[in-house]
């Protein structure tokens, strides 16, 4: 991890100044690719595939709007940190203990259920590639331990390189299949025009927002911190990094929309959950052969497994920062908490890895599923509302406060995710 030197705002980190040229900024892209993997988990792939199956390419516009909204939220997190030195956990705590306390309770509950759900989804992908080798629960356990090992080694550089490998696999497989299935360009372009076919509102909102696994968006601060981007001079680099990440995210989502459209749109077939996603491999094999089937399954597995690694890393950082913030640890001692060698980081890694394994054998209790849906649905409006408060407050220098477009995007996020959250809860009652 780079040490910070020089005066605040100078952008000098470990002897290197923030790049001034566009090319220099692009060469430092990295955390944004981790965000791209964050934005393309199993749930997002399923929502894109289902939307394509039901409504064709009508919702390309929704994917673009969703990427812009999420960009505004994560850019706000990065800007808050680089302009003030405050992580979002510190920001929440400054609003009162209930705000940071709410988040840490949410974090423990959501990771308990998520830890079982995401490893089971990865296990389904492997089982489809190698059927009857191991039971689903055994593959899930292997994936959970894999996440623990990769993140627990304690090197951010390794974490980022592994995530980039998964991004590469996803790009080659999912985007490659979409190119193979590419529809008429006129039909594709028509999806850029906002339309809402009958009965499609919730599908459009789901593509724009989604509520699964979004707690890791708050982890972006720690990933740029590991890169040494700690002063306001790094904000332009951060914006380029995020732009690349969300362009990649949009390309992945549109690719899954195309796959669903070309394979199943108009056939009357339906997809339900991760099992249905894996089952899409069968018509792919019938139409294009066994290589296409393997490409799809590898892409699916890469997306889900990358979700495991980034969630293990991101959640552990968030908990370690919570402990640091509550204990009022001064910044000069922050490395004892905000590092992958921190005991608090490692304790939370154990939490997200092993206790959720109980659900692999007992099933997900109804109460926890409902609570997970409720807390998951409420996190992004909580994030958006608190960012609106913090980024428009006097703690921010005027030149780093929200502009009109940022306020509009964050306000739209609040309304969108409240609607999605209520719908998500109602579906589980």
Protein backbone atom coordinates (compact mmCIF):
# COMPACT_ATOMS: atom_id res chain seq x y z
CA UNK A 1 0.00 0.00 0.00
CA UNK A 2 1.34 3.40 -0.94
CA UNK A 3 2.17 5.92 1.74
CA UNK A 4 0.75 9.40 1.48
CA UNK A 5 3.19 12.25 1.33
CA UNK A 6 2.90 15.90 0.52
CA UNK A 7 0.19 18.35 1.50
CA UNK A 8 -3.52 17.64 1.37
CA UNK A 9 -4.87 18.04 -2.10
CA UNK A 10 -1.45 17.89 -3.72
CA UNK A 11 -2.10 14.49 -5.22
CA UNK A 12 1.40 13.27 -4.40
CA UNK A 13 1.26 9.66 -3.23
CA UNK A 14 4.33 7.57 -2.52
CA UNK A 15 6.38 10.01 -4.60
CA UNK A 16 4.05 9.92 -7.61
CA UNK A 17 1.75 12.79 -8.54
CA UNK A 18 -1.77 12.31 -9.90
CA UNK A 19 -1.58 12.06 -13.71
CA UNK A 20 -2.47 15.17 -15.67
CA UNK A 21 -3.13 13.57 -19.07
CA UNK A 22 -6.06 11.44 -20.19
CA UNK A 23 -3.73 8.61 -21.20
CA UNK A 24 -2.05 8.67 -17.81
CA UNK A 25 -5.42 8.40 -16.06
CA UNK A 26 -6.55 5.49 -18.28
CA UNK A 27 -3.35 3.55 -17.54
CA UNK A 28 -4.25 3.57 -13.83
CA UNK A 29 -7.72 2.05 -14.30
CA UNK A 30 -8.20 -0.80 -11.83
CA UNK A 31 -10.71 -0.28 -9.00
CA UNK A 32 -13.30 0.62 -11.65
CA UNK A 33 -12.94 -2.86 -13.13
CA UNK A 34 -13.62 -4.30 -9.68
CA UNK A 35 -16.76 -2.15 -9.64
CA UNK A 36 -17.66 -3.60 -13.06
CA UNK A 37 -17.55 -7.08 -11.54
CA UNK A 38 -19.57 -5.74 -8.61
CA UNK A 39 -22.24 -4.48 -11.02
CA UNK A 40 -22.55 -7.76 -12.90
CA UNK A 41 -23.37 -10.38 -10.30
CA UNK A 42 -25.70 -13.29 -10.81
CA UNK A 43 -28.78 -11.22 -9.94
CA UNK A 44 -27.99 -8.57 -12.55
CA UNK A 45 -27.29 -11.18 -15.21
CA UNK A 46 -30.61 -12.85 -14.43
CA UNK A 47 -32.54 -9.56 -14.58
CA UNK A 48 -31.02 -8.72 -17.98
CA UNK A 49 -31.68 -12.20 -19.33
CA UNK A 50 -35.28 -12.25 -18.09
CA UNK A 51 -35.95 -8.78 -19.52
CA UNK A 52 -34.57 -9.86 -22.89
CA UNK A 53 -36.67 -13.03 -22.82
CA UNK A 54 -39.88 -11.10 -22.13
CA UNK A 55 -39.39 -7.79 -23.93
CA UNK A 56 -36.52 -8.20 -26.39
CA UNK A 57 -34.06 -5.32 -26.66
CA UNK A 58 -36.58 -2.67 -25.56
CA UNK A 59 -34.68 -1.85 -22.37
CA UNK A 60 -31.19 -0.89 -23.49
CA UNK A 61 -32.09 2.63 -22.37
CA UNK A 62 -32.83 1.34 -18.85
CA UNK A 63 -29.38 -0.26 -18.59
CA UNK A 64 -27.76 3.05 -19.60
CA UNK A 65 -29.76 5.02 -17.02
CA UNK A 66 -28.91 2.44 -14.35
CA UNK A 67 -25.20 2.74 -15.09
CA UNK A 68 -25.39 6.54 -14.86
CA UNK A 69 -27.23 6.45 -11.52
CA UNK A 70 -24.79 3.98 -9.98
CA UNK A 71 -21.89 5.99 -11.37
CA UNK A 72 -23.22 9.08 -9.58
CA UNK A 73 -23.44 7.21 -6.26
CA UNK A 74 -19.97 5.67 -6.39
CA UNK A 75 -18.41 8.88 -7.74
CA UNK A 76 -19.95 10.62 -4.74
CA UNK A 77 -18.33 8.10 -2.39
CA UNK A 78 -14.93 8.63 -4.01
CA UNK A 79 -15.28 12.40 -4.07
CA UNK A 80 -16.28 12.49 -0.39
CA UNK A 81 -13.17 10.53 0.55
CA UNK A 82 -10.68 12.40 -1.63
CA UNK A 83 -12.01 15.87 -0.78
CA UNK A 84 -12.44 15.38 3.00
CA UNK A 85 -10.45 12.26 3.96
CA UNK A 86 -13.70 10.73 5.27
CA UNK A 87 -14.89 7.27 4.32
CA UNK A 88 -18.64 6.76 4.04
CA UNK A 89 -18.59 4.93 7.41
CA UNK A 90 -17.14 8.05 9.03
CA UNK A 91 -19.73 10.12 7.21
CA UNK A 92 -22.57 7.96 8.50
CA UNK A 93 -21.18 8.04 12.03
CA UNK A 94 -20.99 11.83 11.90
CA UNK A 95 -24.74 11.84 11.24
CA UNK A 96 -25.31 9.91 14.46
CA UNK A 97 -24.68 6.46 15.90
CA UNK A 98 -28.03 5.10 14.61
CA UNK A 99 -26.85 5.60 11.01
CA UNK A 100 -23.60 3.65 11.36
CA UNK A 101 -25.28 1.18 13.75
CA UNK A 102 -28.02 0.48 11.20
CA UNK A 103 -25.42 -0.28 8.59
CA UNK A 104 -23.36 -2.71 10.66
CA UNK A 105 -26.50 -4.67 11.66
CA UNK A 106 -27.50 -4.77 8.00
CA UNK A 107 -23.98 -5.89 7.06
CA UNK A 108 -24.02 -8.89 9.40
CA UNK A 109 -27.48 -10.03 8.32
CA UNK A 110 -27.07 -9.51 4.59
CA UNK A 111 -23.68 -11.24 4.44
CA UNK A 112 -25.05 -14.23 6.37
CA UNK A 113 -27.68 -14.91 3.70
CA UNK A 114 -25.63 -13.62 0.78
CA UNK A 115 -22.70 -15.86 1.73
CA UNK A 116 -24.86 -18.94 1.21
CA UNK A 117 -26.78 -17.66 -1.82
CA UNK A 118 -23.82 -16.54 -3.93
CA UNK A 119 -21.73 -19.67 -3.28
CA UNK A 120 -24.73 -21.85 -4.16
CA UNK A 121 -25.14 -19.95 -7.45
CA UNK A 122 -21.46 -20.49 -8.29
CA UNK A 123 -21.88 -24.16 -7.40
CA UNK A 124 -24.76 -24.47 -9.88
CA UNK A 125 -22.49 -23.21 -12.65
CA UNK A 126 -19.74 -25.71 -11.86
CA UNK A 127 -22.26 -28.55 -11.49
CA UNK A 128 -23.64 -27.79 -14.94
CA UNK A 129 -20.12 -28.03 -16.37
CA UNK A 130 -19.14 -31.13 -14.36
CA UNK A 131 -22.39 -32.88 -13.40
CA UNK A 132 -22.50 -35.47 -10.63
CA UNK A 133 -18.87 -34.93 -9.56
CA UNK A 134 -19.75 -33.37 -6.18
CA UNK A 135 -23.03 -32.36 -4.51
CA UNK A 136 -24.06 -28.71 -4.85
CA UNK A 137 -23.33 -27.98 -1.18
CA UNK A 138 -19.75 -29.28 -1.56
CA UNK A 139 -19.07 -27.04 -4.57
CA UNK A 140 -20.52 -24.12 -2.57
CA UNK A 141 -18.19 -24.81 0.37
CA UNK A 142 -15.21 -24.96 -2.00
CA UNK A 143 -16.13 -21.57 -3.48
CA UNK A 144 -16.54 -19.99 -0.03
CA UNK A 145 -13.11 -21.21 1.03
CA UNK A 146 -11.65 -20.04 -2.29
CA UNK A 147 -12.91 -16.51 -1.54
CA UNK A 148 -11.41 -16.71 1.95
CA UNK A 149 -8.00 -17.79 0.62
CA UNK A 150 -7.77 -15.20 -2.20
CA UNK A 151 -8.82 -12.29 0.02
CA UNK A 152 -7.17 -13.61 3.19
CA UNK A 153 -3.70 -13.69 1.63
CA UNK A 154 -3.78 -9.98 2.35
CA UNK A 155 -2.53 -8.36 -0.84
CA UNK A 156 -4.73 -5.87 -2.66
CA UNK A 157 -2.67 -6.26 -5.84
CA UNK A 158 -3.52 -9.98 -5.97
CA UNK A 159 -7.19 -9.24 -5.33
CA UNK A 160 -7.31 -6.74 -8.19
CA UNK A 161 -5.45 -9.05 -10.60
CA UNK A 162 -7.81 -11.95 -9.85
CA UNK A 163 -10.81 -9.68 -10.43
CA UNK A 164 -9.35 -8.55 -13.76
CA UNK A 165 -8.96 -12.19 -14.82
CA UNK A 166 -12.64 -12.78 -14.10
CA UNK A 167 -13.58 -9.61 -15.99
CA UNK A 168 -11.59 -10.92 -18.95
CA UNK A 169 -13.37 -14.28 -18.82
CA UNK A 170 -16.74 -12.56 -18.62
CA UNK A 171 -15.91 -10.28 -21.53
CA UNK A 172 -14.71 -13.06 -23.82
CA UNK A 173 -17.63 -15.38 -23.03
CA UNK A 174 -20.71 -13.21 -22.48
CA UNK A 175 -19.85 -10.43 -24.92
CA UNK A 176 -18.54 -12.96 -27.42
CA UNK A 177 -21.85 -14.84 -27.34
CA UNK A 178 -23.80 -11.59 -27.72
CA UNK A 179 -21.77 -10.75 -30.84
CA UNK A 180 -22.49 -14.25 -32.16
CA UNK A 181 -26.21 -13.69 -31.55
CA UNK A 182 -26.22 -10.01 -32.58
CA UNK A 183 -29.69 -9.00 -33.82
CA UNK A 184 -30.61 -6.54 -36.54
CA UNK A 185 -28.85 -3.27 -35.66
CA UNK A 186 -32.08 -1.36 -36.24
CA UNK A 187 -33.84 -3.40 -33.57
CA UNK A 188 -30.88 -2.88 -31.27
CA UNK A 189 -30.94 0.90 -31.78
CA UNK A 190 -34.67 1.02 -31.06
CA UNK A 191 -33.88 -0.05 -27.50
CA UNK A 192 -32.19 3.31 -26.95
CA UNK A 193 -35.58 5.03 -27.09
CA UNK A 194 -37.36 4.90 -23.71
CA UNK A 195 -40.50 2.77 -24.00
CA UNK A 196 -42.56 0.75 -21.51
CA UNK A 197 -44.41 -2.21 -23.02
CA UNK A 198 -47.48 -3.32 -21.07
CA UNK A 199 -46.56 -4.99 -17.78
CA UNK A 200 -42.90 -4.02 -18.07
CA UNK A 201 -42.45 -1.27 -15.46
CA UNK A 202 -40.91 -3.41 -12.73
CA UNK A 203 -38.60 -5.14 -15.20
CA UNK A 204 -37.36 -1.75 -16.38
CA UNK A 205 -36.84 -0.58 -12.81
CA UNK A 206 -35.03 -3.82 -12.00
CA UNK A 207 -32.59 -3.25 -14.86
CA UNK A 208 -32.00 0.34 -13.78
CA UNK A 209 -31.46 -0.45 -10.14
CA UNK A 210 -31.42 -3.98 -8.83
CA UNK A 211 -31.07 -4.39 -5.07
CA UNK A 212 -28.91 -7.49 -4.67
CA UNK A 213 -25.38 -7.27 -3.29
CA UNK A 214 -25.16 -3.50 -3.51
CA UNK A 215 -23.42 -3.06 -0.15
CA UNK A 216 -20.10 -3.57 -1.92
CA UNK A 217 -20.52 -0.29 -3.80
CA UNK A 218 -19.57 1.38 -0.51
CA UNK A 219 -16.24 -0.50 -0.64
CA UNK A 220 -14.91 1.50 -3.59
CA UNK A 221 -13.33 3.98 -1.16
CA UNK A 222 -11.05 1.27 0.25
CA UNK A 223 -9.98 0.02 -3.17
CA UNK A 224 -8.92 3.50 -4.34
CA UNK A 225 -7.27 4.04 -0.96
CA UNK A 226 -5.15 0.94 -1.56
CA UNK A 227 -4.11 2.51 -4.86
CA UNK A 228 -3.00 5.65 -2.98
CA UNK A 229 -5.70 7.92 -4.43
CA UNK A 230 -6.17 9.90 -1.23
CA UNK A 231 -6.28 13.58 -2.17
CA UNK A 232 -8.57 15.78 -4.24
CA UNK A 233 -6.06 15.88 -7.11
CA UNK A 234 -6.96 12.22 -7.78
CA UNK A 235 -10.67 12.94 -8.34
CA UNK A 236 -10.31 13.25 -12.17
CA UNK A 237 -8.43 9.92 -12.26
CA UNK A 238 -11.14 8.34 -10.12
CA UNK A 239 -13.85 9.57 -12.51
CA UNK A 240 -12.05 8.05 -15.51
CA UNK A 241 -11.62 4.81 -13.59
CA UNK A 242 -15.34 4.66 -12.76
CA UNK A 243 -16.34 5.62 -16.30
CA UNK A 244 -14.43 2.64 -17.69
CA UNK A 245 -15.97 0.39 -15.04
CA UNK A 246 -19.54 1.39 -15.78
CA UNK A 247 -19.05 1.24 -19.54
CA UNK A 248 -17.91 -2.35 -19.06
CA UNK A 249 -20.90 -2.99 -16.78
CA UNK A 250 -23.30 -1.63 -19.41
CA UNK A 251 -21.73 -3.75 -22.15
CA UNK A 252 -22.15 -6.91 -20.05
CA UNK A 253 -25.78 -6.14 -19.22
CA UNK A 254 -26.68 -5.35 -22.83
CA UNK A 255 -24.95 -8.58 -23.89
CA UNK A 256 -27.15 -10.65 -21.57
CA UNK A 257 -30.20 -8.77 -22.85
CA UNK A 258 -29.23 -9.77 -26.39
CA UNK A 259 -28.69 -13.42 -25.38
CA UNK A 260 -32.12 -13.59 -23.76
CA UNK A 261 -33.73 -11.86 -26.74
CA UNK A 262 -32.20 -14.04 -29.42
CA UNK A 263 -32.66 -17.37 -27.65
CA UNK A 264 -35.98 -17.09 -25.86
CA UNK A 265 -37.89 -13.91 -26.83
CA UNK A 266 -41.25 -14.88 -28.25
CA UNK A 267 -40.88 -18.58 -27.40
CA UNK A 268 -43.03 -18.47 -24.27
CA UNK A 269 -40.15 -19.86 -22.21
CA UNK A 270 -39.54 -18.42 -18.76
CA UNK A 271 -36.51 -18.16 -16.49
CA UNK A 272 -36.68 -18.35 -12.72
CA UNK A 273 -33.61 -17.95 -10.53
CA UNK A 274 -30.06 -19.15 -11.04
CA UNK A 275 -31.20 -22.63 -12.11
CA UNK A 276 -33.06 -21.10 -15.04
CA UNK A 277 -30.01 -19.07 -15.98
CA UNK A 278 -27.85 -22.16 -16.15
CA UNK A 279 -30.57 -23.95 -18.14
CA UNK A 280 -30.17 -21.39 -20.95
CA UNK A 281 -27.05 -23.34 -21.88
CA UNK A 282 -29.20 -26.09 -23.42
CA UNK A 283 -30.75 -24.07 -26.29
CA UNK A 284 -27.33 -22.51 -26.88
CA UNK A 285 -25.84 -25.96 -27.38
CA UNK A 286 -28.68 -27.01 -29.67
CA UNK A 287 -28.21 -23.94 -31.87
CA UNK A 288 -24.44 -23.38 -31.86
CA UNK A 289 -22.86 -26.51 -30.44
CA UNK A 290 -21.11 -27.50 -27.24
CA UNK A 291 -18.53 -24.67 -27.39
CA UNK A 292 -21.27 -22.04 -27.09
CA UNK A 293 -22.73 -23.88 -24.10
CA UNK A 294 -19.36 -23.88 -22.35
CA UNK A 295 -18.79 -20.20 -23.12
CA UNK A 296 -22.09 -19.31 -21.48
CA UNK A 297 -21.49 -21.45 -18.40
CA UNK A 298 -17.95 -20.11 -17.96
CA UNK A 299 -19.25 -16.55 -18.26
CA UNK A 300 -21.98 -17.22 -15.70
CA UNK A 301 -19.55 -18.90 -13.31
CA UNK A 302 -17.02 -16.06 -13.70
CA UNK A 303 -19.65 -13.43 -12.89
CA UNK A 304 -20.82 -15.21 -9.76
CA UNK A 305 -17.36 -16.19 -8.50
CA UNK A 306 -16.10 -12.63 -8.94
CA UNK A 307 -19.07 -11.58 -6.80
CA UNK A 308 -17.82 -13.88 -4.05
CA UNK A 309 -14.33 -12.40 -4.03
CA UNK A 310 -15.36 -8.74 -4.14
CA UNK A 311 -18.07 -9.27 -1.49
CA UNK A 312 -15.65 -11.03 0.88
CA UNK A 313 -13.12 -8.22 0.43
CA UNK A 314 -15.56 -5.32 0.48
CA UNK A 315 -17.58 -6.49 3.48
CA UNK A 316 -14.44 -7.13 5.54
CA UNK A 317 -13.17 -3.59 4.82
CA UNK A 318 -16.52 -2.09 5.79
CA UNK A 319 -16.57 -3.90 9.14
CA UNK A 320 -12.94 -2.99 9.90
CA UNK A 321 -13.71 0.66 9.12
CA UNK A 322 -16.76 0.53 11.38
CA UNK A 323 -14.59 -0.65 14.29
CA UNK A 324 -12.00 2.06 13.53
CA UNK A 325 -14.68 4.74 13.35
CA UNK A 326 -16.49 3.76 16.55
CA UNK A 327 -13.18 3.64 18.43
CA UNK A 328 -12.26 7.10 17.08
CA UNK A 329 -8.88 5.85 15.91
CA UNK A 330 -6.71 8.73 14.55
CA UNK A 331 -5.73 8.60 10.88
CA UNK A 332 -2.07 7.94 11.65
CA UNK A 333 -3.13 4.59 13.18
CA UNK A 334 -5.63 3.75 10.44
CA UNK A 335 -3.40 1.07 8.89
CA UNK A 336 -3.97 -1.11 11.96
CA UNK A 337 -7.62 -1.33 10.88
CA UNK A 338 -7.92 -0.49 7.17
CA UNK A 339 -5.68 -3.18 5.75
CA UNK A 340 -6.12 -6.77 4.66
CA UNK A 341 -3.85 -7.83 7.53
CA UNK A 342 -6.11 -6.20 10.13
CA UNK A 343 -7.53 -8.68 12.69
CA UNK A 344 -10.96 -7.05 12.26
CA UNK A 345 -10.76 -7.54 8.49
CA UNK A 346 -9.87 -11.21 8.98
CA UNK A 347 -12.52 -11.86 11.62
CA UNK A 348 -15.22 -10.66 9.25
CA UNK A 349 -13.78 -12.84 6.49
CA UNK A 350 -14.38 -15.82 8.77
CA UNK A 351 -17.93 -14.61 9.43
CA UNK A 352 -18.92 -14.36 5.76
CA UNK A 353 -17.23 -17.69 4.92
CA UNK A 354 -18.29 -20.21 7.57
CA UNK A 355 -21.58 -19.37 9.37
CA UNK A 356 -23.53 -19.07 6.07
CA UNK A 357 -22.64 -22.72 5.34
CA UNK A 358 -25.39 -23.67 7.80
CA UNK A 359 -27.93 -22.47 5.24
CA UNK A 360 -26.47 -24.83 2.64
CA UNK A 361 -27.75 -27.75 4.71
CA UNK A 362 -30.82 -26.33 6.47
CA UNK A 363 -32.19 -24.06 3.70
CA UNK A 364 -32.81 -20.33 4.08
CA UNK A 365 -35.18 -19.53 6.97
CA UNK A 366 -38.15 -17.48 5.79
CA UNK A 367 -37.55 -14.77 8.38
CA UNK A 368 -33.96 -14.21 7.28
CA UNK A 369 -34.93 -14.12 3.61
CA UNK A 370 -37.58 -11.47 4.31
CA UNK A 371 -35.17 -9.49 6.50
CA UNK A 372 -32.44 -9.73 3.86
CA UNK A 373 -34.86 -8.47 1.19
CA UNK A 374 -35.97 -5.60 3.42
CA UNK A 375 -32.46 -4.49 4.42
CA UNK A 376 -31.05 -5.04 0.95
CA UNK A 377 -33.84 -3.00 -0.57
CA UNK A 378 -33.33 -0.19 1.92
CA UNK A 379 -29.55 0.10 1.57
CA UNK A 380 -29.30 2.05 -1.68
CA UNK A 381 -31.87 4.71 -0.77
CA UNK A 382 -30.06 4.98 2.58
CA UNK A 383 -26.78 5.45 0.69
CA UNK A 384 -28.30 7.97 -1.72
CA UNK A 385 -30.03 10.03 0.98
CA UNK A 386 -26.94 10.21 3.19
CA UNK A 387 -24.71 11.10 0.22
CA UNK A 388 -27.11 13.89 -0.74
CA UNK A 389 -26.79 15.26 2.80
CA UNK A 390 -23.03 14.88 3.10
CA UNK A 391 -22.10 16.11 -0.40
CA UNK A 392 -24.24 19.25 -0.11
CA UNK A 393 -23.07 20.13 3.40
CA UNK A 394 -20.56 22.71 4.58
CA UNK A 395 -18.03 19.95 5.35
CA UNK A 396 -17.36 19.85 1.61
CA UNK A 397 -15.38 22.65 0.00
CA UNK A 398 -17.68 24.47 -2.45
CA UNK A 399 -15.80 23.21 -5.52
CA UNK A 400 -16.39 19.56 -4.48
CA UNK A 401 -20.06 19.77 -3.53
CA UNK A 402 -22.75 18.16 -5.64
CA UNK A 403 -23.76 19.87 -8.86
CA UNK A 404 -27.32 19.84 -10.21
CA UNK A 405 -26.90 16.64 -12.27
CA UNK A 406 -25.46 14.73 -9.31
CA UNK A 407 -28.36 15.81 -7.10
CA UNK A 408 -30.88 14.78 -9.77
CA UNK A 409 -29.25 11.36 -10.21
CA UNK A 410 -29.09 10.68 -6.47
CA UNK A 411 -32.65 11.89 -5.98
CA UNK A 412 -33.80 9.56 -8.77
CA UNK A 413 -31.94 6.72 -7.05
CA UNK A 414 -33.88 7.31 -3.84
CA UNK A 415 -37.26 7.12 -5.58
CA UNK A 416 -36.25 4.18 -7.75
CA UNK A 417 -34.87 2.01 -4.98
CA UNK A 418 -37.78 2.71 -2.64
CA UNK A 419 -40.16 1.40 -5.32
CA UNK A 420 -37.94 -1.62 -5.96
CA UNK A 421 -37.53 -2.25 -2.25
CA UNK A 422 -41.27 -2.27 -1.53
CA UNK A 423 -41.87 -4.57 -4.50
CA UNK A 424 -39.05 -6.92 -3.42
CA UNK A 425 -40.47 -7.20 0.10
CA UNK A 426 -44.03 -7.75 -1.12
CA UNK A 427 -42.91 -10.57 -3.40
CA UNK A 428 -41.47 -12.44 -0.40
CA UNK A 429 -44.43 -11.99 1.97
